[in-house]
Structure formats: structure tokens, C-alpha cells
């Protein structure tokens, strides 16, 4: 355990069946040991379950913190578990990711047979958006101090399919029950505890924070692993030293003609781990760090960079926990009944809540610095944005 991280230390526990920790991997000589070393390290993990969990790391952070000031671990193509080596991006299921501390989910959908189904390219991932929302809200009901950012994107549209936005809006209305943040402005943590924060990339409608107007590094088409990491590193430093009111998203993931998501993660994740480790114990805002096959150690470094910030902001309340707590992986936890259907409210200037059939806000042309919404569905606040 490294110094300065006592709050997030993981209790000693026996390695799970079929895998071994990094220290034991170094001494393994058998083929089974070598295979385990390839599958599991502090930065990279393609085993079915994470080595440790941190389900409540946001609970000790102050309510007044905007999400743009946090370091948040996330996963790219979060539900991409099927499709073989060329397409698979994750090995942990949704519940395992959330329990491990992941708080940004990247969900790609297609409108098929009247429902939004989760896809990676042309491969169905055996999940629906409704199911993803219910499972995420179930986790948040068990951990009400947390918040989950969810990017919802239409997968591979040459042109946006008619009805996608309306179906998405209806899905958020029926599953949300007031626990989905559908506004444009970046909220504070206190505003969205126990909620899903939607980041969307629709052309005309307003159903959440406009994803395409945040500060994003997503060089997904990888021709050179070294150049991929160099771009991700530069954007991490931009996030650390940039405007704290701007949300930064850094994708450490990628794919390419001569590589695959797993190979990119094996190269980039350890370098990201070492880069963040050099500033361990310091209050650093890394923004949202989005990965394929992240290891528990890498997740821990991202989460712990919020710890000193939490201590600084909670000096007036010493009884409040100031850092995340890490626990060894358990089995069979976190299963409960699915969430019932619900509503995602919007408010007019008069304060009335719109709970009727789907009604979309139409985007109008506007400068990058601030987007305008038609007066028929007004959304309070504004969003500071940066394009890269």
C-alpha cells in the first residue's frame, strides 16, 4: 500500500479463484500463472469480476462540488461484453463496474422493433436501454450518495433514425421517476445524488448535458499506440490545469485496423496508471477518465485524487467521511428487484412540471459558448463549454 492512501487501502484477502494478484504474478512460473498475469494487474483487468470495490466513494464529498471539478472513472462502450476480441471492450458486467467505482457509463443504442437496444457496431449486446436505466437506478437506490453520468448515443447512424429522440425521451420519462438529470447545465453533486446524469449527442433535442460541447479527447481510431497515449496524456494535463467549470472527458480507449480494444488497453492503461501515480496524494482534477478493461488500482488512483479535495471542503464537518472506502470483492451482493416505471420531470418558468407524453425541446442555432432552448420548453442555467 502506498503512503498517503490509508483511507482507500484494500484489506488483505485471498486471491479469487482463477486469478492472482500482481505480486504473485511476478513470481509465477507455471502457464496458469503467466496467463493470470496477462489477465489481471493494477491497471488492466479482463477477468469477470473486479479485484476490489468502492461503491460509496462519492458519499464523503461535499454537496456544493460541481461534477466538473471531480475526477471520475468511466468505461467506454460500457455494455460491450460480446462480439469477440475485435469488439469486446469490457469484461465486468454493469453491476460489477458500478460496485468497483465506475461513475461514467457509455451506452450505445439502436432503435429496433420500437425499443432502444444496446449495440456495439452491428453486434447486439443482449441489453436494452430500459434495462440499463433500471439496473443503474437499482444501484443508486442502494447507494443514494452516488451519482452516475450516462452518455447515451445512437450507434452508427448514417442519418439519425426518425423516432430515436422521441423514444429516448419516452424511455427517460417512464423509467426516471425524477431520478434522471435531463437539463443542459452541469449540476453540483448535491443536486444529483441518487440520480443518473444524462449526456446526449442529439442534433436538435435537449435531453441532457450536450455531450458534443464538452472538452473531449476521443482519438478512437488508433494507428499508433504511442500517439494514442500521448494525446490522452495531454488532455489529462489540460483537465488538471484547465477551467474547473468545464467538464473534461478523456478516452483512453481505442480500436483500429491493426489492433483491438484489449491491446490498446494493455498499452495505455499502465501508462495512465503511472502518470496518475506520480501525483498521488495531491488534489488533482483529472475529469472523467474513460477506459476499456480498467484495473482496480487505476480506478483507485482516479477516485483518491478527490480525497484531499474532500478533506479541504469538509473541514467544518469533521464527522463526515472525507475519503472513499475500498473493500475486497464480495460475491452475490447488490441484487434486488427491478425499479418500477417512473417519470423524468421538466419545469417551465412558471414552475409547472411536464409529465405528459414526450415533449422535446428543439435546439436552435447558437454560439458555442451558450446554447439556447426554445421558449416552449425552457431549461434554467447555462453551460460553459470548450471544443477541442
Protein backbone atom coordinates (compact mmCIF):
# COMPACT_ATOMS: atom_id res chain seq x y z
CA UNK A 1 0.00 0.00 0.00
CA UNK A 2 1.37 3.39 -0.96
CA UNK A 3 1.74 6.13 1.63
CA UNK A 4 -0.94 8.78 1.86
CA UNK A 5 -3.78 6.47 0.81
CA UNK A 6 -4.80 4.84 4.08
CA UNK A 7 -8.45 5.72 3.59
CA UNK A 8 -8.66 3.77 0.36
CA UNK A 9 -6.47 0.83 1.23
CA UNK A 10 -7.79 -2.59 0.40
CA UNK A 11 -7.82 -5.14 3.23
CA UNK A 12 -5.74 -8.21 2.59
CA UNK A 13 -7.78 -11.02 1.17
CA UNK A 14 -7.06 -14.28 -0.58
CA UNK A 15 -6.97 -14.08 -4.39
CA UNK A 16 -10.12 -15.16 -6.12
CA UNK A 17 -10.25 -18.49 -7.86
CA UNK A 18 -8.67 -18.46 -11.30
CA UNK A 19 -6.61 -15.28 -10.82
CA UNK A 20 -3.77 -13.95 -8.72
CA UNK A 21 -2.62 -10.52 -7.60
CA UNK A 22 0.17 -8.59 -9.30
CA UNK A 23 2.83 -9.53 -6.71
CA UNK A 24 2.17 -13.24 -7.07
CA UNK A 25 2.10 -12.90 -10.86
CA UNK A 26 5.68 -11.69 -10.87
CA UNK A 27 6.84 -14.92 -9.32
CA UNK A 28 4.58 -17.24 -11.25
CA UNK A 29 6.37 -19.70 -13.48
CA UNK A 30 3.54 -22.02 -14.48
CA UNK A 31 1.47 -21.43 -17.64
CA UNK A 32 -1.56 -20.79 -15.43
CA UNK A 33 0.37 -18.13 -13.52
CA UNK A 34 1.57 -16.47 -16.71
CA UNK A 35 -1.99 -16.43 -18.05
CA UNK A 36 -3.22 -14.82 -14.83
CA UNK A 37 -0.55 -12.13 -15.06
CA UNK A 38 -1.71 -11.30 -18.57
CA UNK A 39 -5.32 -11.02 -17.45
CA UNK A 40 -5.03 -9.05 -14.22
CA UNK A 41 -2.86 -6.18 -12.97
CA UNK A 42 -3.37 -2.91 -11.09
CA UNK A 43 -4.07 -1.07 -14.36
CA UNK A 44 -5.61 -3.73 -16.60
CA UNK A 45 -8.18 -6.40 -15.80
CA UNK A 46 -10.05 -8.63 -18.24
CA UNK A 47 -11.32 -11.07 -15.61
CA UNK A 48 -15.07 -11.35 -14.95
CA UNK A 49 -15.04 -9.54 -11.56
CA UNK A 50 -13.03 -6.59 -10.19
CA UNK A 51 -10.42 -7.28 -7.51
CA UNK A 52 -11.84 -4.61 -5.16
CA UNK A 53 -14.89 -2.42 -4.89
CA UNK A 54 -15.66 1.15 -3.87
CA UNK A 55 -19.43 1.55 -4.11
CA UNK A 56 -19.78 4.72 -1.98
CA UNK A 57 -16.79 6.90 -2.83
CA UNK A 58 -18.89 9.98 -3.65
CA UNK A 59 -20.74 9.91 -0.33
CA UNK A 60 -17.96 11.77 1.55
CA UNK A 61 -17.64 14.59 -0.99
CA UNK A 62 -19.40 17.93 -0.33
CA UNK A 63 -22.74 18.66 -2.00
CA UNK A 64 -21.55 22.01 -3.38
CA UNK A 65 -18.93 20.45 -5.69
CA UNK A 66 -19.85 20.71 -9.40
CA UNK A 67 -19.34 17.47 -11.29
CA UNK A 68 -16.87 19.33 -13.50
CA UNK A 69 -14.47 19.59 -10.53
CA UNK A 70 -14.30 15.84 -9.88
CA UNK A 71 -12.08 13.03 -11.07
CA UNK A 72 -14.48 10.33 -12.25
CA UNK A 73 -13.58 6.84 -13.54
CA UNK A 74 -15.60 5.67 -16.53
CA UNK A 75 -15.82 2.92 -19.12
CA UNK A 76 -16.03 3.17 -22.89
CA UNK A 77 -18.78 1.14 -24.59
CA UNK A 78 -19.73 0.04 -21.10
CA UNK A 79 -22.06 -2.80 -22.14
CA UNK A 80 -19.80 -4.20 -24.89
CA UNK A 81 -19.26 -7.68 -23.49
CA UNK A 82 -19.93 -9.66 -26.68
CA UNK A 83 -18.57 -9.71 -30.21
CA UNK A 84 -15.17 -11.31 -29.78
CA UNK A 85 -11.74 -9.76 -29.47
CA UNK A 86 -12.36 -7.15 -32.15
CA UNK A 87 -15.41 -5.68 -30.41
CA UNK A 88 -15.35 -6.59 -26.73
CA UNK A 89 -14.41 -3.58 -24.58
CA UNK A 90 -15.25 -4.73 -21.05
CA UNK A 91 -15.17 -7.92 -19.01
CA UNK A 92 -17.16 -6.68 -15.99
CA UNK A 93 -20.93 -6.50 -16.09
CA UNK A 94 -22.80 -3.31 -15.29
CA UNK A 95 -23.30 -4.03 -11.59
CA UNK A 96 -19.64 -5.01 -11.16
CA UNK A 97 -18.49 -1.78 -12.81
CA UNK A 98 -20.67 0.35 -10.55
CA UNK A 99 -19.53 -1.53 -7.44
CA UNK A 100 -15.89 -1.04 -8.48
CA UNK A 101 -16.37 2.74 -8.53
CA UNK A 102 -17.14 3.46 -12.19
CA UNK A 103 -19.40 6.52 -12.41
CA UNK A 104 -19.47 7.23 -16.15
CA UNK A 105 -21.24 4.83 -18.49
CA UNK A 106 -21.08 4.95 -22.29
CA UNK A 107 -24.27 3.40 -23.70
CA UNK A 108 -24.74 2.97 -27.48
CA UNK A 109 -28.26 2.24 -28.71
CA UNK A 110 -30.20 1.42 -31.86
CA UNK A 111 -33.93 1.74 -32.36
CA UNK A 112 -35.02 -1.82 -33.16
CA UNK A 113 -38.59 -3.07 -33.17
CA UNK A 114 -39.77 0.00 -31.32
CA UNK A 115 -37.27 -0.29 -28.46
CA UNK A 116 -33.79 1.11 -27.79
CA UNK A 117 -31.42 -1.87 -27.77
CA UNK A 118 -27.74 -1.69 -26.79
CA UNK A 119 -25.29 -2.35 -29.63
CA UNK A 120 -21.60 -2.11 -30.40
CA UNK A 121 -21.43 -1.51 -34.14
CA UNK A 122 -23.73 -4.24 -35.52
CA UNK A 123 -23.48 -6.60 -32.53
CA UNK A 124 -26.39 -6.75 -30.09
CA UNK A 125 -25.13 -6.67 -26.51
CA UNK A 126 -28.10 -8.52 -25.02
CA UNK A 127 -29.40 -5.48 -23.16
CA UNK A 128 -31.89 -2.66 -23.61
CA UNK A 129 -31.67 0.95 -22.52
CA UNK A 130 -34.65 0.43 -20.24
CA UNK A 131 -32.84 -2.42 -18.55
CA UNK A 132 -29.66 -0.37 -18.18
CA UNK A 133 -31.60 2.50 -16.59
CA UNK A 134 -33.40 0.17 -14.19
CA UNK A 135 -30.21 -1.61 -13.14
CA UNK A 136 -28.37 1.69 -12.63
CA UNK A 137 -31.23 3.18 -10.60
CA UNK A 138 -31.34 0.00 -8.54
CA UNK A 139 -27.67 0.54 -7.66
CA UNK A 140 -28.33 4.20 -6.84
CA UNK A 141 -31.26 3.26 -4.62
CA UNK A 142 -28.85 1.09 -2.61
CA UNK A 143 -26.15 3.81 -2.65
CA UNK A 144 -28.03 7.14 -2.52
CA UNK A 145 -24.89 9.22 -2.03
CA UNK A 146 -23.63 8.37 -5.53
CA UNK A 147 -24.40 9.79 -8.98
CA UNK A 148 -23.84 8.15 -12.38
CA UNK A 149 -23.10 10.01 -15.61
CA UNK A 150 -24.54 8.22 -18.62
CA UNK A 151 -23.69 9.10 -22.19
CA UNK A 152 -26.49 7.88 -24.45
CA UNK A 153 -25.60 7.75 -28.14
CA UNK A 154 -27.27 6.42 -31.26
CA UNK A 155 -24.95 3.76 -32.61
CA UNK A 156 -23.79 4.02 -36.25
CA UNK A 157 -26.43 6.29 -37.72
CA UNK A 158 -25.68 7.46 -41.25
CA UNK A 159 -28.61 9.76 -40.59
CA UNK A 160 -30.35 9.87 -37.24
CA UNK A 161 -33.22 7.44 -37.40
CA UNK A 162 -36.67 9.07 -37.18
CA UNK A 163 -38.18 8.44 -33.80
CA UNK A 164 -34.91 7.82 -31.91
CA UNK A 165 -35.07 11.05 -29.91
CA UNK A 166 -38.77 10.66 -29.13
CA UNK A 167 -38.25 7.07 -27.99
CA UNK A 168 -35.30 8.12 -25.84
CA UNK A 169 -37.35 10.88 -24.24
CA UNK A 170 -40.19 8.47 -23.55
CA UNK A 171 -37.80 5.95 -22.04
CA UNK A 172 -36.35 8.59 -19.69
CA UNK A 173 -39.86 9.71 -18.73
CA UNK A 174 -41.10 6.23 -17.95
CA UNK A 175 -38.02 4.94 -16.12
CA UNK A 176 -36.75 8.09 -14.43
CA UNK A 177 -39.20 8.92 -11.64
CA UNK A 178 -37.48 12.23 -11.07
CA UNK A 179 -34.11 10.49 -10.73
CA UNK A 180 -32.69 11.41 -14.14
CA UNK A 181 -31.00 14.79 -14.71
CA UNK A 182 -32.22 15.97 -18.12
CA UNK A 183 -31.01 19.59 -18.06
CA UNK A 184 -28.24 21.29 -20.00
CA UNK A 185 -26.23 22.76 -17.14
CA UNK A 186 -23.56 20.81 -15.27
CA UNK A 187 -25.02 20.14 -11.79
CA UNK A 188 -23.44 20.03 -8.38
CA UNK A 189 -23.05 16.69 -6.69
CA UNK A 190 -25.76 17.55 -4.18
CA UNK A 191 -28.27 18.15 -6.97
CA UNK A 192 -27.81 14.69 -8.46
CA UNK A 193 -27.11 12.30 -5.61
CA UNK A 194 -29.06 9.15 -6.30
CA UNK A 195 -29.63 10.19 -9.94
CA UNK A 196 -28.46 9.46 -13.46
CA UNK A 197 -26.97 12.47 -15.26
CA UNK A 198 -27.66 12.21 -18.98
CA UNK A 199 -25.06 13.30 -21.54
CA UNK A 200 -26.57 13.12 -25.00
CA UNK A 201 -25.47 13.78 -28.56
CA UNK A 202 -28.74 14.57 -30.31
CA UNK A 203 -28.74 17.08 -33.14
CA UNK A 204 -31.84 19.11 -32.23
CA UNK A 205 -33.39 17.95 -28.98
CA UNK A 206 -32.35 18.79 -25.43
CA UNK A 207 -32.45 15.71 -23.21
CA UNK A 208 -29.40 16.32 -21.03
CA UNK A 209 -25.95 17.90 -20.96
CA UNK A 210 -24.88 18.39 -24.61
CA UNK A 211 -22.09 15.87 -24.94
CA UNK A 212 -20.52 17.26 -28.10
CA UNK A 213 -19.85 20.65 -26.49
CA UNK A 214 -17.71 19.42 -23.61
CA UNK A 215 -13.91 19.23 -23.67
CA UNK A 216 -13.32 15.77 -25.14
CA UNK A 217 -10.32 13.77 -26.30
CA UNK A 218 -11.52 10.67 -28.15
CA UNK A 219 -8.90 9.55 -30.68
CA UNK A 220 -10.62 6.19 -31.08
CA UNK A 221 -9.09 5.17 -34.42
CA UNK A 222 -5.65 4.03 -33.29
CA UNK A 223 -2.84 3.84 -35.82
CA UNK A 224 -0.05 4.29 -33.27
CA UNK A 225 -0.33 3.24 -29.63
CA UNK A 226 2.31 5.78 -28.62
CA UNK A 227 0.46 8.65 -30.29
CA UNK A 228 -2.80 7.48 -28.72
CA UNK A 229 -1.32 7.67 -25.25
CA UNK A 230 0.39 11.00 -25.97
CA UNK A 231 -2.96 12.58 -26.90
CA UNK A 232 -4.68 11.14 -23.84
CA UNK A 233 -1.87 12.36 -21.57
CA UNK A 234 -2.05 15.89 -22.98
CA UNK A 235 -5.78 16.04 -22.38
CA UNK A 236 -5.40 14.74 -18.83
CA UNK A 237 -3.00 17.59 -18.14
CA UNK A 238 -5.41 20.02 -19.77
CA UNK A 239 -8.12 18.79 -17.41
CA UNK A 240 -5.82 19.09 -14.39
CA UNK A 241 -4.91 22.70 -15.16
CA UNK A 242 -7.97 23.92 -17.07
CA UNK A 243 -11.15 25.79 -16.25
CA UNK A 244 -12.83 23.99 -13.32
CA UNK A 245 -16.26 24.95 -14.69
CA UNK A 246 -15.63 22.93 -17.86
CA UNK A 247 -16.20 19.19 -17.87
CA UNK A 248 -13.31 17.24 -19.43
CA UNK A 249 -13.64 13.71 -20.83
CA UNK A 250 -10.51 11.75 -21.75
CA UNK A 251 -10.93 8.46 -23.62
CA UNK A 252 -8.01 6.13 -23.01
CA UNK A 253 -9.73 3.54 -25.19
CA UNK A 254 -9.42 2.85 -28.89
CA UNK A 255 -9.60 0.38 -31.76
CA UNK A 256 -8.06 0.11 -35.19
CA UNK A 257 -7.35 -1.93 -38.27
CA UNK A 258 -4.19 -3.46 -36.79
CA UNK A 259 -5.20 -3.51 -33.12
CA UNK A 260 -8.21 -4.15 -30.89
CA UNK A 261 -9.66 -2.65 -27.67
CA UNK A 262 -7.85 -5.12 -25.43
CA UNK A 263 -4.43 -4.44 -26.98
CA UNK A 264 -4.95 -0.68 -26.70
CA UNK A 265 -5.94 -1.05 -23.04
CA UNK A 266 -2.90 -3.22 -22.29
CA UNK A 267 -0.67 -0.45 -23.64
CA UNK A 268 -2.46 2.69 -22.45
CA UNK A 269 -3.83 1.68 -19.03
CA UNK A 270 -0.42 1.01 -17.38
CA UNK A 271 0.92 4.31 -18.69
CA UNK A 272 -2.14 6.12 -17.40
CA UNK A 273 -1.65 4.41 -14.05
CA UNK A 274 1.97 5.55 -13.81
CA UNK A 275 1.07 9.08 -14.93
CA UNK A 276 -1.59 9.49 -12.27
CA UNK A 277 0.56 7.78 -9.65
CA UNK A 278 3.25 10.44 -9.94
CA UNK A 279 0.78 12.94 -8.45
CA UNK A 280 -0.82 10.57 -5.98
CA UNK A 281 -1.85 12.17 -2.68
CA UNK A 282 -2.42 15.56 -4.32
CA UNK A 283 -5.77 17.21 -5.09
CA UNK A 284 -5.87 16.79 -8.88
CA UNK A 285 -8.90 17.23 -11.10
CA UNK A 286 -8.45 14.65 -13.89
CA UNK A 287 -12.01 14.98 -15.17
CA UNK A 288 -13.76 11.90 -16.50
CA UNK A 289 -11.20 9.20 -17.37
CA UNK A 290 -12.79 6.63 -19.70
CA UNK A 291 -11.18 3.22 -20.19
CA UNK A 292 -11.51 -0.29 -21.53
CA UNK A 293 -10.68 -3.15 -19.12
CA UNK A 294 -9.60 -0.91 -16.20
CA UNK A 295 -7.82 -2.44 -13.23
CA UNK A 296 -8.85 -1.79 -9.64
CA UNK A 297 -5.60 0.07 -8.95
CA UNK A 298 -6.21 2.52 -11.77
CA UNK A 299 -9.76 3.14 -10.59
CA UNK A 300 -8.45 3.70 -7.08
CA UNK A 301 -5.94 6.33 -8.23
CA UNK A 302 -8.66 8.28 -10.03
CA UNK A 303 -11.03 8.13 -7.06
CA UNK A 304 -8.37 9.00 -4.49
CA UNK A 305 -7.43 12.20 -6.32
CA UNK A 306 -10.73 13.54 -4.94
CA UNK A 307 -9.81 12.66 -1.34
CA UNK A 308 -7.68 15.71 -0.46
CA UNK A 309 -10.28 17.90 -2.15
CA UNK A 310 -12.98 16.37 0.04
CA UNK A 311 -10.89 16.97 3.17
CA UNK A 312 -10.39 20.60 2.23
CA UNK A 313 -14.10 21.19 1.62
CA UNK A 314 -15.37 19.34 4.70
CA UNK A 315 -13.17 20.92 7.34
CA UNK A 316 -16.26 22.34 9.05
CA UNK A 317 -17.79 18.88 9.39
CA UNK A 318 -15.11 16.57 10.82
CA UNK A 319 -17.64 13.82 11.46
CA UNK A 320 -18.30 13.49 7.74
CA UNK A 321 -16.23 10.84 5.95
CA UNK A 322 -13.62 12.57 3.79
CA UNK A 323 -12.44 9.77 1.59
CA UNK A 324 -13.66 6.73 -0.25
CA UNK A 325 -13.56 3.32 1.35
CA UNK A 326 -12.29 0.30 -0.58
CA UNK A 327 -13.41 -3.23 0.13
CA UNK A 328 -12.39 -6.63 -1.14
CA UNK A 329 -14.61 -8.08 -3.79
CA UNK A 330 -17.61 -9.98 -2.49
CA UNK A 331 -19.91 -12.43 -4.22
CA UNK A 332 -23.60 -12.25 -4.76
CA UNK A 333 -24.10 -8.73 -3.44
CA UNK A 334 -26.21 -5.93 -4.80
CA UNK A 335 -29.10 -7.91 -6.26
CA UNK A 336 -32.61 -6.68 -5.67
CA UNK A 337 -35.86 -6.18 -7.53
CA UNK A 338 -36.04 -4.01 -10.62
CA UNK A 339 -37.22 -0.42 -10.41
CA UNK A 340 -40.78 0.38 -11.35
CA UNK A 341 -41.68 2.67 -14.22
CA UNK A 342 -41.49 6.39 -13.45
CA UNK A 343 -41.26 9.92 -14.76
CA UNK A 344 -38.47 12.39 -15.59
CA UNK A 345 -39.86 15.86 -14.83
CA UNK A 346 -39.14 19.13 -16.61
CA UNK A 347 -40.15 22.56 -15.36
CA UNK A 348 -41.34 25.65 -17.15
CA UNK A 349 -40.53 29.17 -15.86
CA UNK A 350 -43.86 29.03 -14.06
CA UNK A 351 -42.61 26.04 -12.08
CA UNK A 352 -45.10 23.57 -13.53
CA UNK A 353 -43.74 20.07 -14.19
CA UNK A 354 -44.23 18.45 -17.57
CA UNK A 355 -45.27 14.85 -17.02
CA UNK A 356 -47.34 14.29 -20.13
CA UNK A 357 -46.45 12.43 -23.32
CA UNK A 358 -42.94 13.03 -24.68
CA UNK A 359 -42.34 16.67 -25.46
CA UNK A 360 -38.97 17.64 -26.87
CA UNK A 361 -37.03 20.87 -26.64
CA UNK A 362 -35.84 21.93 -30.08
CA UNK A 363 -32.32 23.27 -30.28
CA UNK A 364 -31.74 26.42 -32.25
CA UNK A 365 -28.54 27.76 -33.77
CA UNK A 366 -26.41 29.39 -31.11
CA UNK A 367 -22.78 30.29 -30.36
CA UNK A 368 -20.67 27.50 -28.91
CA UNK A 369 -20.37 29.31 -25.59
CA UNK A 370 -24.06 29.02 -24.81
CA UNK A 371 -26.87 27.09 -26.41
CA UNK A 372 -30.39 28.47 -26.48
CA UNK A 373 -33.52 26.47 -26.00
CA UNK A 374 -36.87 27.42 -27.45
CA UNK A 375 -39.22 29.16 -25.03
CA UNK A 376 -41.75 26.34 -25.32
CA UNK A 377 -39.59 24.21 -23.00
CA UNK A 378 -37.25 26.44 -21.03
CA UNK A 379 -34.30 24.99 -19.14
CA UNK A 380 -32.65 27.10 -16.42
CA UNK A 381 -28.95 27.81 -16.23
CA UNK A 382 -26.20 27.69 -18.78
CA UNK A 383 -23.28 25.50 -19.66
CA UNK A 384 -19.67 26.60 -20.03
CA UNK A 385 -18.22 24.60 -22.87
CA UNK A 386 -14.93 24.03 -24.64
CA UNK A 387 -14.37 22.40 -28.01
CA UNK A 388 -11.11 20.55 -28.74
